[in-house]
PDB file of N, CA and C in Angstrom:
ATOM      1  N   MET A   1      -0.524  21.544 -23.047  1.00  0.00           N
ATOM      2  CA  MET A   1       0.479  21.614 -24.086  1.00  0.00           C
ATOM      3  C   MET A   1       1.641  20.726 -23.687  1.00  0.00           C
ATOM      4  N   LEU A   2       2.099  19.952 -24.621  1.00  0.00           N
ATOM      5  CA  LEU A   2       3.213  19.044 -24.385  1.00  0.00           C
ATOM      6  C   LEU A   2       4.499  19.739 -24.807  1.00  0.00           C
ATOM      7  N   THR A   3       5.323  20.064 -23.834  1.00  0.00           N
ATOM      8  CA  THR A   3       6.489  20.892 -24.148  1.00  0.00           C
ATOM      9  C   THR A   3       7.823  20.223 -23.873  1.00  0.00           C
ATOM     10  N   ASP A   4       7.830  19.043 -23.243  1.00  0.00           N
ATOM     11  CA  ASP A   4       9.142  18.458 -22.971  1.00  0.00           C
ATOM     12  C   ASP A   4       9.744  17.904 -24.258  1.00  0.00           C
ATOM     13  N   GLY A   5      10.994  17.557 -24.205  1.00  0.00           N
ATOM     14  CA  GLY A   5      11.752  17.133 -25.386  1.00  0.00           C
ATOM     15  C   GLY A   5      11.154  15.983 -26.149  1.00  0.00           C
ATOM     16  N   ASP A   6      10.469  15.065 -25.460  1.00  0.00           N
ATOM     17  CA  ASP A   6       9.887  13.918 -26.148  1.00  0.00           C
ATOM     18  C   ASP A   6       8.726  14.303 -27.063  1.00  0.00           C
ATOM     19  N   HIS A   7       8.097  15.436 -26.789  1.00  0.00           N
ATOM     20  CA  HIS A   7       6.900  15.810 -27.535  1.00  0.00           C
ATOM     21  C   HIS A   7       7.100  17.020 -28.440  1.00  0.00           C
ATOM     22  N   ARG A   8       8.131  17.772 -28.227  1.00  0.00           N
ATOM     23  CA  ARG A   8       8.346  19.001 -28.982  1.00  0.00           C
ATOM     24  C   ARG A   8       8.347  18.721 -30.483  1.00  0.00           C
ATOM     25  N   GLY A   9       7.541  19.477 -31.217  1.00  0.00           N
ATOM     26  CA  GLY A   9       7.482  19.361 -32.668  1.00  0.00           C
ATOM     27  C   GLY A   9       6.692  18.156 -33.173  1.00  0.00           C
ATOM     28  N   THR A  10       6.019  17.447 -32.277  1.00  0.00           N
ATOM     29  CA  THR A  10       5.254  16.262 -32.670  1.00  0.00           C
ATOM     30  C   THR A  10       3.773  16.595 -32.720  1.00  0.00           C
ATOM     31  N   ALA A  11       3.124  16.155 -33.769  1.00  0.00           N
ATOM     32  CA  ALA A  11       1.669  16.321 -33.890  1.00  0.00           C
ATOM     33  C   ALA A  11       1.004  15.011 -33.494  1.00  0.00           C
ATOM     34  N   TYR A  12      -0.043  15.105 -32.713  1.00  0.00           N
ATOM     35  CA  TYR A  12      -0.759  13.919 -32.266  1.00  0.00           C
ATOM     36  C   TYR A  12      -2.205  13.973 -32.733  1.00  0.00           C
ATOM     37  N   ASP A  13      -2.733  12.814 -33.020  1.00  0.00           N
ATOM     38  CA  ASP A  13      -4.152  12.657 -33.332  1.00  0.00           C
ATOM     39  C   ASP A  13      -4.741  11.914 -32.137  1.00  0.00           C
ATOM     40  N   LEU A  14      -5.313  12.658 -31.192  1.00  0.00           N
ATOM     41  CA  LEU A  14      -5.752  12.086 -29.918  1.00  0.00           C
ATOM     42  C   LEU A  14      -7.147  11.490 -30.047  1.00  0.00           C
ATOM     43  N   THR A  15      -7.182  10.194 -30.206  1.00  0.00           N
ATOM     44  CA  THR A  15      -8.446   9.462 -30.308  1.00  0.00           C
ATOM     45  C   THR A  15      -8.513   8.445 -29.186  1.00  0.00           C
ATOM     46  N   GLY A  16      -9.695   8.225 -28.686  1.00  0.00           N
ATOM     47  CA  GLY A  16      -9.888   7.204 -27.666  1.00  0.00           C
ATOM     48  C   GLY A  16     -10.374   5.918 -28.301  1.00  0.00           C
ATOM     49  N   PRO A  17     -10.728   4.964 -27.480  1.00  0.00           N
ATOM     50  CA  PRO A  17     -11.242   3.708 -28.012  1.00  0.00           C
ATOM     51  C   PRO A  17     -12.544   3.934 -28.781  1.00  0.00           C
ATOM     52  N   ARG A  18     -12.714   3.210 -29.862  1.00  0.00           N
ATOM     53  CA  ARG A  18     -13.929   3.321 -30.670  1.00  0.00           C
ATOM     54  C   ARG A  18     -15.102   2.706 -29.911  1.00  0.00           C
ATOM     55  N   TRP A  19     -16.247   3.365 -29.994  1.00  0.00           N
ATOM     56  CA  TRP A  19     -17.475   2.812 -29.424  1.00  0.00           C
ATOM     57  C   TRP A  19     -18.633   3.126 -30.366  1.00  0.00           C
ATOM     58  N   THR A  20     -19.708   2.386 -30.199  1.00  0.00           N
ATOM     59  CA  THR A  20     -20.901   2.588 -31.019  1.00  0.00           C
ATOM     60  C   THR A  20     -22.054   3.038 -30.133  1.00  0.00           C
ATOM     61  N   TYR A  21     -23.093   3.569 -30.737  1.00  0.00           N
ATOM     62  CA  TYR A  21     -24.249   3.982 -29.952  1.00  0.00           C
ATOM     63  C   TYR A  21     -24.961   2.796 -29.302  1.00  0.00           C
ATOM     64  N   PRO A  22     -25.057   1.641 -29.972  1.00  0.00           N
ATOM     65  CA  PRO A  22     -25.614   0.488 -29.263  1.00  0.00           C
ATOM     66  C   PRO A  22     -24.775   0.097 -28.041  1.00  0.00           C
ATOM     67  N   GLU A  23     -23.447   0.210 -28.121  1.00  0.00           N
ATOM     68  CA  GLU A  23     -22.600  -0.068 -26.955  1.00  0.00           C
ATOM     69  C   GLU A  23     -22.850   0.952 -25.848  1.00  0.00           C
ATOM     70  N   LEU A  24     -23.002   2.211 -26.219  1.00  0.00           N
ATOM     71  CA  LEU A  24     -23.304   3.247 -25.233  1.00  0.00           C
ATOM     72  C   LEU A  24     -24.636   2.965 -24.546  1.00  0.00           C
ATOM     73  N   ALA A  25     -25.640   2.575 -25.320  1.00  0.00           N
ATOM     74  CA  ALA A  25     -26.943   2.243 -24.737  1.00  0.00           C
ATOM     75  C   ALA A  25     -26.806   1.085 -23.752  1.00  0.00           C
ATOM     76  N   ALA A  26     -26.004   0.080 -24.102  1.00  0.00           N
ATOM     77  CA  ALA A  26     -25.812  -1.065 -23.208  1.00  0.00           C
ATOM     78  C   ALA A  26     -25.139  -0.644 -21.907  1.00  0.00           C
ATOM     79  N   VAL A  27     -24.125   0.211 -21.996  1.00  0.00           N
ATOM     80  CA  VAL A  27     -23.432   0.695 -20.791  1.00  0.00           C
ATOM     81  C   VAL A  27     -24.392   1.515 -19.931  1.00  0.00           C
ATOM     82  N   LEU A  28     -25.154   2.402 -20.546  1.00  0.00           N
ATOM     83  CA  LEU A  28     -26.117   3.206 -19.789  1.00  0.00           C
ATOM     84  C   LEU A  28     -27.152   2.323 -19.100  1.00  0.00           C
ATOM     85  N   GLY A  29     -27.611   1.295 -19.801  1.00  0.00           N
ATOM     86  CA  GLY A  29     -28.583   0.375 -19.217  1.00  0.00           C
ATOM     87  C   GLY A  29     -27.997  -0.405 -18.053  1.00  0.00           C
ATOM     88  N   GLU A  30     -26.772  -0.863 -18.230  1.00  0.00           N
ATOM     89  CA  GLU A  30     -26.114  -1.615 -17.149  1.00  0.00           C
ATOM     90  C   GLU A  30     -25.918  -0.745 -15.918  1.00  0.00           C
ATOM     91  N   LEU A  31     -25.435   0.464 -16.121  1.00  0.00           N
ATOM     92  CA  LEU A  31     -25.176   1.350 -14.990  1.00  0.00           C
ATOM     93  C   LEU A  31     -26.467   1.866 -14.354  1.00  0.00           C
ATOM     94  N   GLY A  32     -27.496   2.048 -15.173  1.00  0.00           N
ATOM     95  CA  GLY A  32     -28.754   2.583 -14.666  1.00  0.00           C
ATOM     96  C   GLY A  32     -29.721   1.524 -14.177  1.00  0.00           C
ATOM     97  N   GLY A  33     -29.404   0.261 -14.440  1.00  0.00           N
ATOM     98  CA  GLY A  33     -30.266  -0.805 -13.973  1.00  0.00           C
ATOM     99  C   GLY A  33     -31.580  -0.939 -14.717  1.00  0.00           C
ATOM    100  N   ARG A  34     -31.633  -0.429 -15.944  1.00  0.00           N
ATOM    101  CA  ARG A  34     -32.842  -0.586 -16.758  1.00  0.00           C
ATOM    102  C   ARG A  34     -32.447  -0.620 -18.228  1.00  0.00           C
ATOM    103  N   THR A  35     -33.359  -1.041 -19.053  1.00  0.00           N
ATOM    104  CA  THR A  35     -33.071  -1.177 -20.479  1.00  0.00           C
ATOM    105  C   THR A  35     -32.986   0.187 -21.154  1.00  0.00           C
ATOM    106  N   VAL A  36     -31.926   0.390 -21.883  1.00  0.00           N
ATOM    107  CA  VAL A  36     -31.761   1.587 -22.710  1.00  0.00           C
ATOM    108  C   VAL A  36     -31.531   1.084 -24.127  1.00  0.00           C
ATOM    109  N   SER A  37     -32.316   1.560 -25.070  1.00  0.00           N
ATOM    110  CA  SER A  37     -32.139   1.107 -26.440  1.00  0.00           C
ATOM    111  C   SER A  37     -31.734   2.256 -27.346  1.00  0.00           C
ATOM    112  N   TYR A  38     -31.055   1.884 -28.401  1.00  0.00           N
ATOM    113  CA  TYR A  38     -30.639   2.839 -29.426  1.00  0.00           C
ATOM    114  C   TYR A  38     -31.462   2.570 -30.668  1.00  0.00           C
ATOM    115  N   ARG A  39     -31.926   3.626 -31.290  1.00  0.00           N
ATOM    116  CA  ARG A  39     -32.732   3.501 -32.505  1.00  0.00           C
ATOM    117  C   ARG A  39     -32.106   4.360 -33.597  1.00  0.00           C
ATOM    118  N   GLU A  40     -31.786   3.748 -34.716  1.00  0.00           N
ATOM    119  CA  GLU A  40     -31.245   4.469 -35.870  1.00  0.00           C
ATOM    120  C   GLU A  40     -32.342   5.351 -36.454  1.00  0.00           C
ATOM    121  N   VAL A  41     -32.014   6.584 -36.772  1.00  0.00           N
ATOM    122  CA  VAL A  41     -33.005   7.481 -37.379  1.00  0.00           C
ATOM    123  C   VAL A  41     -32.788   7.528 -38.881  1.00  0.00           C
ATOM    124  N   GLU A  42     -33.835   7.849 -39.585  1.00  0.00           N
ATOM    125  CA  GLU A  42     -33.757   7.960 -41.039  1.00  0.00           C
ATOM    126  C   GLU A  42     -33.013   9.236 -41.417  1.00  0.00           C
ATOM    127  N   ASP A  43     -32.302   9.172 -42.546  1.00  0.00           N
ATOM    128  CA  ASP A  43     -31.657  10.373 -43.070  1.00  0.00           C
ATOM    129  C   ASP A  43     -32.732  11.382 -43.457  1.00  0.00           C
ATOM    130  N   ASP A  44     -32.408  12.654 -43.299  1.00  0.00           N
ATOM    131  CA  ASP A  44     -33.343  13.699 -43.726  1.00  0.00           C
ATOM    132  C   ASP A  44     -32.728  14.444 -44.902  1.00  0.00           C
ATOM    133  N   ASP A  45     -33.243  15.590 -45.211  1.00  0.00           N
ATOM    134  CA  ASP A  45     -32.727  16.355 -46.344  1.00  0.00           C
ATOM    135  C   ASP A  45     -31.558  17.250 -45.960  1.00  0.00           C
ATOM    136  N   GLY A  46     -31.202  17.283 -44.695  1.00  0.00           N
ATOM    137  CA  GLY A  46     -30.132  18.159 -44.232  1.00  0.00           C
ATOM    138  C   GLY A  46     -28.769  17.504 -44.280  1.00  0.00           C
ATOM    139  N   ILE A  47     -27.944  17.888 -43.342  1.00  0.00           N
ATOM    140  CA  ILE A  47     -26.555  17.434 -43.312  1.00  0.00           C
ATOM    141  C   ILE A  47     -26.451  15.928 -43.123  1.00  0.00           C
ATOM    142  N   LEU A  48     -27.367  15.335 -42.362  1.00  0.00           N
ATOM    143  CA  LEU A  48     -27.317  13.891 -42.146  1.00  0.00           C
ATOM    144  C   LEU A  48     -27.456  13.133 -43.457  1.00  0.00           C
ATOM    145  N   ALA A  49     -28.243  13.670 -44.389  1.00  0.00           N
ATOM    146  CA  ALA A  49     -28.390  13.022 -45.694  1.00  0.00           C
ATOM    147  C   ALA A  49     -27.058  12.994 -46.436  1.00  0.00           C
ATOM    148  N   MET A  50     -26.226  14.005 -46.214  1.00  0.00           N
ATOM    149  CA  MET A  50     -24.934  14.065 -46.898  1.00  0.00           C
ATOM    150  C   MET A  50     -23.886  13.200 -46.219  1.00  0.00           C
ATOM    151  N   ILE A  51     -23.841  13.223 -44.893  1.00  0.00           N
ATOM    152  CA  ILE A  51     -22.761  12.495 -44.213  1.00  0.00           C
ATOM    153  C   ILE A  51     -23.193  11.185 -43.586  1.00  0.00           C
ATOM    154  N   GLY A  52     -24.499  10.961 -43.445  1.00  0.00           N
ATOM    155  CA  GLY A  52     -24.999   9.743 -42.809  1.00  0.00           C
ATOM    156  C   GLY A  52     -24.435   8.465 -43.396  1.00  0.00           C
ATOM    157  N   PRO A  53     -24.470   8.303 -44.725  1.00  0.00           N
ATOM    158  CA  PRO A  53     -23.919   7.081 -45.304  1.00  0.00           C
ATOM    159  C   PRO A  53     -22.421   6.904 -45.011  1.00  0.00           C
ATOM    160  N   ALA A  54     -21.671   7.985 -45.023  1.00  0.00           N
ATOM    161  CA  ALA A  54     -20.229   7.894 -44.732  1.00  0.00           C
ATOM    162  C   ALA A  54     -19.992   7.507 -43.275  1.00  0.00           C
ATOM    163  N   VAL A  55     -20.792   8.070 -42.373  1.00  0.00           N
ATOM    164  CA  VAL A  55     -20.665   7.729 -40.949  1.00  0.00           C
ATOM    165  C   VAL A  55     -20.953   6.251 -40.749  1.00  0.00           C
ATOM    166  N   ARG A  56     -22.049   5.774 -41.323  1.00  0.00           N
ATOM    167  CA  ARG A  56     -22.411   4.359 -41.176  1.00  0.00           C
ATOM    168  C   ARG A  56     -21.370   3.439 -41.802  1.00  0.00           C
ATOM    169  N   ALA A  57     -20.670   3.900 -42.828  1.00  0.00           N
ATOM    170  CA  ALA A  57     -19.643   3.088 -43.489  1.00  0.00           C
ATOM    171  C   ALA A  57     -18.316   3.120 -42.736  1.00  0.00           C
ATOM    172  N   GLY A  58     -18.228   3.929 -41.668  1.00  0.00           N
ATOM    173  CA  GLY A  58     -17.008   3.973 -40.866  1.00  0.00           C
ATOM    174  C   GLY A  58     -15.966   4.973 -41.325  1.00  0.00           C
ATOM    175  N   ALA A  59     -16.370   5.940 -42.134  1.00  0.00           N
ATOM    176  CA  ALA A  59     -15.416   6.899 -42.693  1.00  0.00           C
ATOM    177  C   ALA A  59     -14.716   7.754 -41.638  1.00  0.00           C
ATOM    178  N   PHE A  60     -15.319   7.912 -40.463  1.00  0.00           N
ATOM    179  CA  PHE A  60     -14.736   8.781 -39.439  1.00  0.00           C
ATOM    180  C   PHE A  60     -14.196   7.980 -38.261  1.00  0.00           C
ATOM    181  N   GLU A  61     -13.927   6.712 -38.455  1.00  0.00           N
ATOM    182  CA  GLU A  61     -13.486   5.840 -37.367  1.00  0.00           C
ATOM    183  C   GLU A  61     -11.971   5.744 -37.267  1.00  0.00           C
ATOM    184  N   ARG A  62     -11.294   6.808 -37.462  1.00  0.00           N
ATOM    185  CA  ARG A  62      -9.836   6.810 -37.361  1.00  0.00           C
ATOM    186  C   ARG A  62      -9.438   6.644 -35.904  1.00  0.00           C
ATOM    187  N   GLN A  63      -8.538   5.718 -35.662  1.00  0.00           N
ATOM    188  CA  GLN A  63      -8.021   5.508 -34.316  1.00  0.00           C
ATOM    189  C   GLN A  63      -6.511   5.452 -34.365  1.00  0.00           C
ATOM    190  N   THR A  64      -5.884   6.018 -33.367  1.00  0.00           N
ATOM    191  CA  THR A  64      -4.429   5.957 -33.246  1.00  0.00           C
ATOM    192  C   THR A  64      -4.090   5.564 -31.818  1.00  0.00           C
ATOM    193  N   GLY A  65      -2.857   5.247 -31.583  1.00  0.00           N
ATOM    194  CA  GLY A  65      -2.372   4.973 -30.238  1.00  0.00           C
ATOM    195  C   GLY A  65      -1.776   6.210 -29.574  1.00  0.00           C
ATOM    196  N   ASP A  66      -1.949   7.373 -30.214  1.00  0.00           N
ATOM    197  CA  ASP A  66      -1.332   8.602 -29.704  1.00  0.00           C
ATOM    198  C   ASP A  66      -1.778   8.957 -28.296  1.00  0.00           C
ATOM    199  N   LEU A  67      -3.060   8.831 -27.994  1.00  0.00           N
ATOM    200  CA  LEU A  67      -3.546   9.209 -26.670  1.00  0.00           C
ATOM    201  C   LEU A  67      -2.888   8.354 -25.592  1.00  0.00           C
ATOM    202  N   ALA A  68      -2.809   7.065 -25.811  1.00  0.00           N
ATOM    203  CA  ALA A  68      -2.152   6.175 -24.840  1.00  0.00           C
ATOM    204  C   ALA A  68      -0.676   6.521 -24.692  1.00  0.00           C
ATOM    205  N   ARG A  69      -0.024   6.871 -25.785  1.00  0.00           N
ATOM    206  CA  ARG A  69       1.398   7.246 -25.712  1.00  0.00           C
ATOM    207  C   ARG A  69       1.584   8.528 -24.897  1.00  0.00           C
ATOM    208  N   VAL A  70       0.718   9.514 -25.117  1.00  0.00           N
ATOM    209  CA  VAL A  70       0.828  10.780 -24.385  1.00  0.00           C
ATOM    210  C   VAL A  70       0.501  10.581 -22.909  1.00  0.00           C
ATOM    211  N   LEU A  71      -0.547   9.812 -22.628  1.00  0.00           N
ATOM    212  CA  LEU A  71      -0.954   9.577 -21.244  1.00  0.00           C
ATOM    213  C   LEU A  71      -0.023   8.610 -20.507  1.00  0.00           C
ATOM    214  N   ARG A  72       0.658   7.793 -21.285  1.00  0.00           N
ATOM    215  CA  ARG A  72       1.490   6.705 -20.743  1.00  0.00           C
ATOM    216  C   ARG A  72       0.652   5.696 -19.956  1.00  0.00           C
ATOM    217  N   ARG A  73      -0.581   5.519 -20.431  1.00  0.00           N
ATOM    218  CA  ARG A  73      -1.502   4.522 -19.882  1.00  0.00           C
ATOM    219  C   ARG A  73      -2.622   4.349 -20.896  1.00  0.00           C
ATOM    220  N   PRO A  74      -3.386   3.267 -20.805  1.00  0.00           N
ATOM    221  CA  PRO A  74      -4.517   3.120 -21.727  1.00  0.00           C
ATOM    222  C   PRO A  74      -5.568   4.198 -21.482  1.00  0.00           C
ATOM    223  N   PRO A  75      -6.255   4.643 -22.537  1.00  0.00           N
ATOM    224  CA  PRO A  75      -7.335   5.617 -22.345  1.00  0.00           C
ATOM    225  C   PRO A  75      -8.464   5.015 -21.502  1.00  0.00           C
ATOM    226  N   THR A  76      -9.252   5.857 -20.907  1.00  0.00           N
ATOM    227  CA  THR A  76     -10.394   5.423 -20.098  1.00  0.00           C
ATOM    228  C   THR A  76     -11.413   4.702 -20.984  1.00  0.00           C
ATOM    229  N   SER A  77     -11.951   3.619 -20.488  1.00  0.00           N
ATOM    230  CA  SER A  77     -12.951   2.858 -21.243  1.00  0.00           C
ATOM    231  C   SER A  77     -14.273   3.616 -21.281  1.00  0.00           C
ATOM    232  N   LEU A  78     -15.128   3.221 -22.212  1.00  0.00           N
ATOM    233  CA  LEU A  78     -16.456   3.828 -22.305  1.00  0.00           C
ATOM    234  C   LEU A  78     -17.217   3.655 -21.001  1.00  0.00           C
ATOM    235  N   GLY A  79     -17.207   2.451 -20.449  1.00  0.00           N
ATOM    236  CA  GLY A  79     -17.931   2.197 -19.207  1.00  0.00           C
ATOM    237  C   GLY A  79     -17.435   3.052 -18.053  1.00  0.00           C
ATOM    238  N   SER A  80     -16.124   3.169 -17.918  1.00  0.00           N
ATOM    239  CA  SER A  80     -15.561   3.988 -16.832  1.00  0.00           C
ATOM    240  C   SER A  80     -15.882   5.469 -17.027  1.00  0.00           C
ATOM    241  N   ALA A  81     -15.814   5.937 -18.270  1.00  0.00           N
ATOM    242  CA  ALA A  81     -16.100   7.350 -18.544  1.00  0.00           C
ATOM    243  C   ALA A  81     -17.568   7.675 -18.251  1.00  0.00           C
ATOM    244  N   VAL A  82     -18.473   6.794 -18.665  1.00  0.00           N
ATOM    245  CA  VAL A  82     -19.895   7.025 -18.406  1.00  0.00           C
ATOM    246  C   VAL A  82     -20.179   6.953 -16.906  1.00  0.00           C
ATOM    247  N   ALA A  83     -19.593   5.964 -16.214  1.00  0.00           N
ATOM    248  CA  ALA A  83     -19.798   5.855 -14.769  1.00  0.00           C
ATOM    249  C   ALA A  83     -19.320   7.116 -14.055  1.00  0.00           C
ATOM    250  N   ALA A  84     -18.167   7.635 -14.473  1.00  0.00           N
ATOM    251  CA  ALA A  84     -17.637   8.857 -13.847  1.00  0.00           C
ATOM    252  C   ALA A  84     -18.553  10.042 -14.141  1.00  0.00           C
ATOM    253  N   ALA A  85     -19.051  10.143 -15.362  1.00  0.00           N
ATOM    254  CA  ALA A  85     -19.933  11.256 -15.723  1.00  0.00           C
ATOM    255  C   ALA A  85     -21.255  11.179 -14.945  1.00  0.00           C
ATOM    256  N   LEU A  86     -21.799   9.990 -14.808  1.00  0.00           N
ATOM    257  CA  LEU A  86     -23.044   9.844 -14.045  1.00  0.00           C
ATOM    258  C   LEU A  86     -22.825  10.095 -12.571  1.00  0.00           C
ATOM    259  N   GLY A  87     -21.673   9.695 -12.048  1.00  0.00           N
ATOM    260  CA  GLY A  87     -21.359   9.932 -10.654  1.00  0.00           C
ATOM    261  C   GLY A  87     -21.181  11.406 -10.340  1.00  0.00           C
ATOM    262  N   ALA A  88     -20.746  12.185 -11.339  1.00  0.00           N
ATOM    263  CA  ALA A  88     -20.541  13.616 -11.139  1.00  0.00           C
ATOM    264  C   ALA A  88     -21.850  14.364 -10.973  1.00  0.00           C
ATOM    265  N   ARG A  89     -22.961  13.735 -11.360  1.00  0.00           N
ATOM    266  CA  ARG A  89     -24.266  14.395 -11.259  1.00  0.00           C
ATOM    267  C   ARG A  89     -24.849  14.295  -9.861  1.00  0.00           C
ATOM    268  N   ASP A  90     -24.330  13.415  -9.026  1.00  0.00           N
ATOM    269  CA  ASP A  90     -24.892  13.226  -7.674  1.00  0.00           C
ATOM    270  C   ASP A  90     -24.714  14.450  -6.803  1.00  0.00           C
TER     271      ASP A  90
END
C-alpha cells in the first residue's frame, strides 16, 4: 500500500511492458537453448469465441507509466522476468 504524501488518494493502473506470446516463445527458446514456438488456436464456442477477436485486435493492451512512477525505475523486462522465474526453479 502506498501511503506517503506523494501517493495518498491516487489511483494507479499498474501495467508492465506489453509483450506477445510469440515474443515469450522467443525468450523461452533463447533462455532454454532450443526452439519454442507459439501456435494460435482456433476460437471455440466458449468464452474465447466472445473475447478472442477483441484480444487479437488489442482491446486489452492498455499501458500506463504508473508502474515505473511507483517503482521509480523501469519495470522488469520480459526476458529478465522469465530468466528470474526459470532460475527460481533450480
